[in-house]
């Protein structure tokens, strides 16, 4: 069983590869981009992990993301409600990105993997 773990889009994006329960490789994207706390999709980190394991993306059995976007969105909404109306400006600033793509992170991950592999 080969599992690729991905963390991205918030801060410190990274990838890790687990083969049969053993961590084979892990890396933060900032190691490759030299951008502190880089949040972009971790293409270089994924490529590094696959290379260390001597495998291709097509051999990966599962791809997992570190967070459940729907649960996180629920927490954000609950926080805004508890601070209403004081947090309206933060709400206006944050919500568009959630409604445009963060709630649909699976699509973003697939798009990035198809584009780069």
Foldseek 3Di string as FASTA:
>chain_A
DKEKEWEADPWFTKIWIADPNRTQDIDTQCVPVVDHRHHHGRPVRVVVRCVSVVHDPVPHPYYYYDDQLVVVVVVVVVVPVVPPPVCVVVCVVPPVVSVPPSNPVVVVVVVVVVVRD
